[in-house]
């Protein structure tokens, strides 16, 4: 467990993903992975101090826990990046859940650190995915979300096609 956020740490997140991807998942048991990254987090630390940054990380983590399903896995990937793994959910439901998260973060009063937003990269597992390939696609979409203005959700082509194909071509949700 990550001591600051009380979420699963990166090691536990890696174990979870390896376990759920190790035997190849049929399409009906696909795993959707979301990487969420707090936008402009360095500015929070630089302008308000590291204690304010810690407060934002704790509150952000709580919002993730409150706005995900009990069967979803939420972990701190590192720094201001978080992973949400959603088993047994349709792509449409996952996008709605990600939008609820994005909106809840945007609307939340984080106090003296000012408004906070987050960007999201979303990928749908295929039967041949490894932890690295799935995270890689979600991460590529996250960086597209950031380069396209932040505070948005971008899904990968595999996600958009509901599991058909493996070429990454991120699409805005």
C-alpha atoms as a PDB file:
ATOM      1  CA  UNK A   1       0.000   0.000   0.000  1.00  0.00           C
ATOM      2  CA  UNK A   2       1.201   3.494  -0.817  1.00  0.00           C
ATOM      3  CA  UNK A   3       1.448   5.247   2.571  1.00  0.00           C
ATOM      4  CA  UNK A   4       0.392   8.696   1.330  1.00  0.00           C
ATOM      5  CA  UNK A   5      -2.679   7.756  -0.703  1.00  0.00           C
ATOM      6  CA  UNK A   6      -3.634   4.420   0.894  1.00  0.00           C
ATOM      7  CA  UNK A   7      -3.985   2.973  -2.611  1.00  0.00           C
ATOM      8  CA  UNK A   8      -2.200  -0.079  -3.937  1.00  0.00           C
ATOM      9  CA  UNK A   9       1.412   0.685  -4.766  1.00  0.00           C
ATOM     10  CA  UNK A  10       3.107   0.052  -8.112  1.00  0.00           C
ATOM     11  CA  UNK A  11       4.322  -3.437  -7.164  1.00  0.00           C
ATOM     12  CA  UNK A  12       0.830  -4.551  -6.196  1.00  0.00           C
ATOM     13  CA  UNK A  13      -0.568  -2.941  -9.349  1.00  0.00           C
ATOM     14  CA  UNK A  14       1.945  -4.858 -11.481  1.00  0.00           C
ATOM     15  CA  UNK A  15       0.971  -8.126  -9.751  1.00  0.00           C
ATOM     16  CA  UNK A  16      -2.738  -7.451 -10.301  1.00  0.00           C
ATOM     17  CA  UNK A  17      -2.278  -6.742 -14.013  1.00  0.00           C
ATOM     18  CA  UNK A  18       0.023  -9.732 -14.588  1.00  0.00           C
ATOM     19  CA  UNK A  19      -2.453 -12.030 -12.847  1.00  0.00           C
ATOM     20  CA  UNK A  20      -5.420 -10.759 -14.855  1.00  0.00           C
ATOM     21  CA  UNK A  21      -3.596 -10.868 -18.187  1.00  0.00           C
ATOM     22  CA  UNK A  22      -1.495 -14.008 -17.762  1.00  0.00           C
ATOM     23  CA  UNK A  23      -3.832 -16.534 -19.351  1.00  0.00           C
ATOM     24  CA  UNK A  24      -5.323 -14.404 -22.107  1.00  0.00           C
ATOM     25  CA  UNK A  25      -8.764 -13.012 -21.562  1.00  0.00           C
ATOM     26  CA  UNK A  26     -11.628 -13.800 -23.904  1.00  0.00           C
ATOM     27  CA  UNK A  27     -13.418 -10.677 -25.150  1.00  0.00           C
ATOM     28  CA  UNK A  28     -16.255 -11.112 -22.654  1.00  0.00           C
ATOM     29  CA  UNK A  29     -13.726 -10.824 -19.797  1.00  0.00           C
ATOM     30  CA  UNK A  30     -11.684  -7.948 -21.177  1.00  0.00           C
ATOM     31  CA  UNK A  31      -9.926  -5.642 -18.771  1.00  0.00           C
ATOM     32  CA  UNK A  32     -10.068  -1.903 -19.287  1.00  0.00           C
ATOM     33  CA  UNK A  33      -7.119   0.065 -17.952  1.00  0.00           C
ATOM     34  CA  UNK A  34      -7.181   3.793 -17.330  1.00  0.00           C
ATOM     35  CA  UNK A  35      -4.106   5.851 -16.535  1.00  0.00           C
ATOM     36  CA  UNK A  36      -5.059   9.118 -14.847  1.00  0.00           C
ATOM     37  CA  UNK A  37      -2.539  11.917 -14.440  1.00  0.00           C
ATOM     38  CA  UNK A  38      -3.085  15.132 -12.485  1.00  0.00           C
ATOM     39  CA  UNK A  39      -2.670  18.064 -14.865  1.00  0.00           C
ATOM     40  CA  UNK A  40       0.051  20.610 -14.021  1.00  0.00           C
ATOM     41  CA  UNK A  41       0.832  18.917 -10.696  1.00  0.00           C
ATOM     42  CA  UNK A  42       4.360  20.367 -10.588  1.00  0.00           C
ATOM     43  CA  UNK A  43       2.776  23.827 -10.443  1.00  0.00           C
ATOM     44  CA  UNK A  44       0.842  22.816  -7.293  1.00  0.00           C
ATOM     45  CA  UNK A  45       4.087  21.859  -5.556  1.00  0.00           C
ATOM     46  CA  UNK A  46       5.963  24.902  -6.907  1.00  0.00           C
ATOM     47  CA  UNK A  47       3.236  27.442  -6.059  1.00  0.00           C
ATOM     48  CA  UNK A  48       1.729  26.049  -2.861  1.00  0.00           C
ATOM     49  CA  UNK A  49       4.389  23.714  -1.434  1.00  0.00           C
ATOM     50  CA  UNK A  50       4.779  19.969  -1.130  1.00  0.00           C
ATOM     51  CA  UNK A  51       2.331  19.685   1.760  1.00  0.00           C
ATOM     52  CA  UNK A  52      -0.374  21.137  -0.489  1.00  0.00           C
ATOM     53  CA  UNK A  53       0.714  18.676  -3.181  1.00  0.00           C
ATOM     54  CA  UNK A  54       0.353  15.820  -0.701  1.00  0.00           C
ATOM     55  CA  UNK A  55      -3.132  17.075   0.176  1.00  0.00           C
ATOM     56  CA  UNK A  56      -4.101  17.061  -3.514  1.00  0.00           C
ATOM     57  CA  UNK A  57      -2.762  13.513  -3.933  1.00  0.00           C
ATOM     58  CA  UNK A  58      -4.740  12.271  -0.912  1.00  0.00           C
ATOM     59  CA  UNK A  59      -7.969  13.976  -2.005  1.00  0.00           C
ATOM     60  CA  UNK A  60      -7.510  12.855  -5.612  1.00  0.00           C
ATOM     61  CA  UNK A  61      -7.039   9.263  -4.419  1.00  0.00           C
ATOM     62  CA  UNK A  62     -10.184   9.480  -2.333  1.00  0.00           C
ATOM     63  CA  UNK A  63     -12.141  10.732  -5.347  1.00  0.00           C
ATOM     64  CA  UNK A  64     -10.880   7.788  -7.399  1.00  0.00           C
ATOM     65  CA  UNK A  65     -12.008   5.348  -4.694  1.00  0.00           C
ATOM     66  CA  UNK A  66     -15.411   7.036  -4.322  1.00  0.00           C
ATOM     67  CA  UNK A  67     -16.128   7.112  -8.065  1.00  0.00           C
ATOM     68  CA  UNK A  68     -15.118   3.587  -9.038  1.00  0.00           C
ATOM     69  CA  UNK A  69     -16.941   0.308  -8.574  1.00  0.00           C
ATOM     70  CA  UNK A  70     -16.054  -2.061  -5.731  1.00  0.00           C
ATOM     71  CA  UNK A  71     -14.650  -4.599  -8.216  1.00  0.00           C
ATOM     72  CA  UNK A  72     -12.358  -2.014  -9.836  1.00  0.00           C
ATOM     73  CA  UNK A  73      -8.680  -1.896  -8.912  1.00  0.00           C
ATOM     74  CA  UNK A  74      -7.190   1.510  -8.089  1.00  0.00           C
ATOM     75  CA  UNK A  75      -3.466   2.013  -7.603  1.00  0.00           C
ATOM     76  CA  UNK A  76      -0.856   4.731  -7.510  1.00  0.00           C
ATOM     77  CA  UNK A  77       1.428   4.161 -10.472  1.00  0.00           C
ATOM     78  CA  UNK A  78       3.944   6.814  -9.438  1.00  0.00           C
ATOM     79  CA  UNK A  79       4.125  10.511  -8.674  1.00  0.00           C
ATOM     80  CA  UNK A  80       0.806  11.975  -9.802  1.00  0.00           C
ATOM     81  CA  UNK A  81      -0.155   9.030 -12.038  1.00  0.00           C
ATOM     82  CA  UNK A  82      -2.785   6.488 -11.087  1.00  0.00           C
ATOM     83  CA  UNK A  83      -4.084   3.263 -12.637  1.00  0.00           C
ATOM     84  CA  UNK A  84      -7.657   2.064 -12.607  1.00  0.00           C
ATOM     85  CA  UNK A  85      -8.310  -1.463 -13.857  1.00  0.00           C
ATOM     86  CA  UNK A  86     -11.937  -2.238 -14.634  1.00  0.00           C
ATOM     87  CA  UNK A  87     -12.829  -5.896 -15.128  1.00  0.00           C
ATOM     88  CA  UNK A  88     -16.101  -7.054 -16.647  1.00  0.00           C
ATOM     89  CA  UNK A  89     -17.323  -3.714 -17.937  1.00  0.00           C
ATOM     90  CA  UNK A  90     -18.439  -2.662 -21.377  1.00  0.00           C
ATOM     91  CA  UNK A  91     -16.440  -0.016 -23.224  1.00  0.00           C
ATOM     92  CA  UNK A  92     -19.433   2.333 -23.063  1.00  0.00           C
ATOM     93  CA  UNK A  93     -19.772   1.927 -19.306  1.00  0.00           C
ATOM     94  CA  UNK A  94     -16.035   2.475 -18.854  1.00  0.00           C
ATOM     95  CA  UNK A  95     -16.137   5.759 -20.775  1.00  0.00           C
ATOM     96  CA  UNK A  96     -19.115   6.930 -18.693  1.00  0.00           C
ATOM     97  CA  UNK A  97     -17.254   6.018 -15.493  1.00  0.00           C
ATOM     98  CA  UNK A  98     -14.097   7.791 -16.683  1.00  0.00           C
ATOM     99  CA  UNK A  99     -16.130  10.891 -17.536  1.00  0.00           C
ATOM    100  CA  UNK A 100     -17.742  10.822 -14.087  1.00  0.00           C
ATOM    101  CA  UNK A 101     -14.254  10.721 -12.566  1.00  0.00           C
ATOM    102  CA  UNK A 102     -12.953  13.513 -14.789  1.00  0.00           C
ATOM    103  CA  UNK A 103     -15.941  15.694 -13.959  1.00  0.00           C
ATOM    104  CA  UNK A 104     -15.813  14.949 -10.206  1.00  0.00           C
ATOM    105  CA  UNK A 105     -12.142  15.963 -10.109  1.00  0.00           C
ATOM    106  CA  UNK A 106     -12.769  19.137 -12.095  1.00  0.00           C
ATOM    107  CA  UNK A 107     -15.669  20.112  -9.788  1.00  0.00           C
ATOM    108  CA  UNK A 108     -13.988  19.215  -6.483  1.00  0.00           C
ATOM    109  CA  UNK A 109     -12.748  21.957  -4.147  1.00  0.00           C
ATOM    110  CA  UNK A 110      -9.143  21.032  -3.386  1.00  0.00           C
ATOM    111  CA  UNK A 111      -8.788  24.058  -1.126  1.00  0.00           C
ATOM    112  CA  UNK A 112      -5.907  26.513  -1.227  1.00  0.00           C
ATOM    113  CA  UNK A 113      -4.122  24.746  -4.097  1.00  0.00           C
ATOM    114  CA  UNK A 114      -6.783  25.941  -6.525  1.00  0.00           C
ATOM    115  CA  UNK A 115      -8.649  23.946  -9.157  1.00  0.00           C
ATOM    116  CA  UNK A 116      -7.304  20.576 -10.250  1.00  0.00           C
ATOM    117  CA  UNK A 117      -8.003  18.636 -13.423  1.00  0.00           C
ATOM    118  CA  UNK A 118      -6.792  15.299 -14.759  1.00  0.00           C
ATOM    119  CA  UNK A 119      -6.135  13.657 -18.106  1.00  0.00           C
ATOM    120  CA  UNK A 120      -7.061  10.035 -18.840  1.00  0.00           C
ATOM    121  CA  UNK A 121      -5.706   7.430 -21.240  1.00  0.00           C
ATOM    122  CA  UNK A 122      -7.941   4.372 -21.700  1.00  0.00           C
ATOM    123  CA  UNK A 123      -7.087   0.988 -23.228  1.00  0.00           C
ATOM    124  CA  UNK A 124      -9.013  -2.252 -23.661  1.00  0.00           C
ATOM    125  CA  UNK A 125      -7.124  -5.522 -23.273  1.00  0.00           C
ATOM    126  CA  UNK A 126      -6.918  -8.082 -26.027  1.00  0.00           C
ATOM    127  CA  UNK A 127      -6.326 -11.787 -25.541  1.00  0.00           C
ATOM    128  CA  UNK A 128      -2.631 -11.321 -26.428  1.00  0.00           C
ATOM    129  CA  UNK A 129      -1.892  -8.323 -24.213  1.00  0.00           C
ATOM    130  CA  UNK A 130       0.831  -8.231 -21.618  1.00  0.00           C
ATOM    131  CA  UNK A 131       0.962  -5.736 -18.794  1.00  0.00           C
ATOM    132  CA  UNK A 132       3.488  -3.742 -20.800  1.00  0.00           C
ATOM    133  CA  UNK A 133       1.480  -3.632 -24.032  1.00  0.00           C
ATOM    134  CA  UNK A 134      -1.770  -2.667 -22.310  1.00  0.00           C
ATOM    135  CA  UNK A 135      -0.126  -0.001 -20.147  1.00  0.00           C
ATOM    136  CA  UNK A 136       1.786   1.239 -23.194  1.00  0.00           C
ATOM    137  CA  UNK A 137      -1.415   1.885 -25.146  1.00  0.00           C
ATOM    138  CA  UNK A 138      -3.116   3.581 -22.196  1.00  0.00           C
ATOM    139  CA  UNK A 139       0.004   5.692 -21.625  1.00  0.00           C
ATOM    140  CA  UNK A 140       0.149   6.739 -25.282  1.00  0.00           C
ATOM    141  CA  UNK A 141      -3.469   7.883 -25.037  1.00  0.00           C
ATOM    142  CA  UNK A 142      -2.726   9.743 -21.804  1.00  0.00           C
ATOM    143  CA  UNK A 143       0.014  11.728 -23.537  1.00  0.00           C
ATOM    144  CA  UNK A 144      -2.341  12.492 -26.436  1.00  0.00           C
ATOM    145  CA  UNK A 145      -4.886  13.795 -23.903  1.00  0.00           C
ATOM    146  CA  UNK A 146      -2.226  16.045 -22.405  1.00  0.00           C
ATOM    147  CA  UNK A 147      -1.009  17.290 -25.780  1.00  0.00           C
ATOM    148  CA  UNK A 148      -4.587  18.024 -26.885  1.00  0.00           C
ATOM    149  CA  UNK A 149      -5.289  20.392 -24.006  1.00  0.00           C
ATOM    150  CA  UNK A 150      -5.538  18.212 -20.860  1.00  0.00           C
ATOM    151  CA  UNK A 151      -8.649  17.551 -18.748  1.00  0.00           C
ATOM    152  CA  UNK A 152      -9.910  14.988 -21.262  1.00  0.00           C
ATOM    153  CA  UNK A 153     -10.282  11.281 -21.934  1.00  0.00           C
ATOM    154  CA  UNK A 154      -8.618   9.572 -24.896  1.00  0.00           C
ATOM    155  CA  UNK A 155      -9.266   5.903 -25.766  1.00  0.00           C
ATOM    156  CA  UNK A 156      -7.132   3.606 -27.878  1.00  0.00           C
ATOM    157  CA  UNK A 157      -8.189   2.132 -31.218  1.00  0.00           C
ATOM    158  CA  UNK A 158      -8.491  -1.336 -29.689  1.00  0.00           C
ATOM    159  CA  UNK A 159     -10.902   0.101 -27.150  1.00  0.00           C
ATOM    160  CA  UNK A 160     -12.837   2.007 -29.789  1.00  0.00           C
ATOM    161  CA  UNK A 161     -13.148  -1.123 -31.913  1.00  0.00           C
ATOM    162  CA  UNK A 162     -14.113  -3.222 -28.878  1.00  0.00           C
ATOM    163  CA  UNK A 163     -11.166  -5.571 -29.182  1.00  0.00           C
ATOM    164  CA  UNK A 164     -10.616  -5.863 -32.935  1.00  0.00           C
ATOM    165  CA  UNK A 165      -7.043  -5.072 -33.919  1.00  0.00           C
ATOM    166  CA  UNK A 166      -3.950  -4.076 -32.006  1.00  0.00           C
ATOM    167  CA  UNK A 167      -2.650  -0.946 -33.721  1.00  0.00           C
ATOM    168  CA  UNK A 168      -2.641   2.069 -31.422  1.00  0.00           C
ATOM    169  CA  UNK A 169      -4.448   5.071 -32.777  1.00  0.00           C
ATOM    170  CA  UNK A 170      -5.872   7.061 -29.913  1.00  0.00           C
ATOM    171  CA  UNK A 171      -9.343   8.552 -30.267  1.00  0.00           C
ATOM    172  CA  UNK A 172     -10.999  11.206 -28.156  1.00  0.00           C
ATOM    173  CA  UNK A 173     -13.825   9.739 -26.056  1.00  0.00           C
END
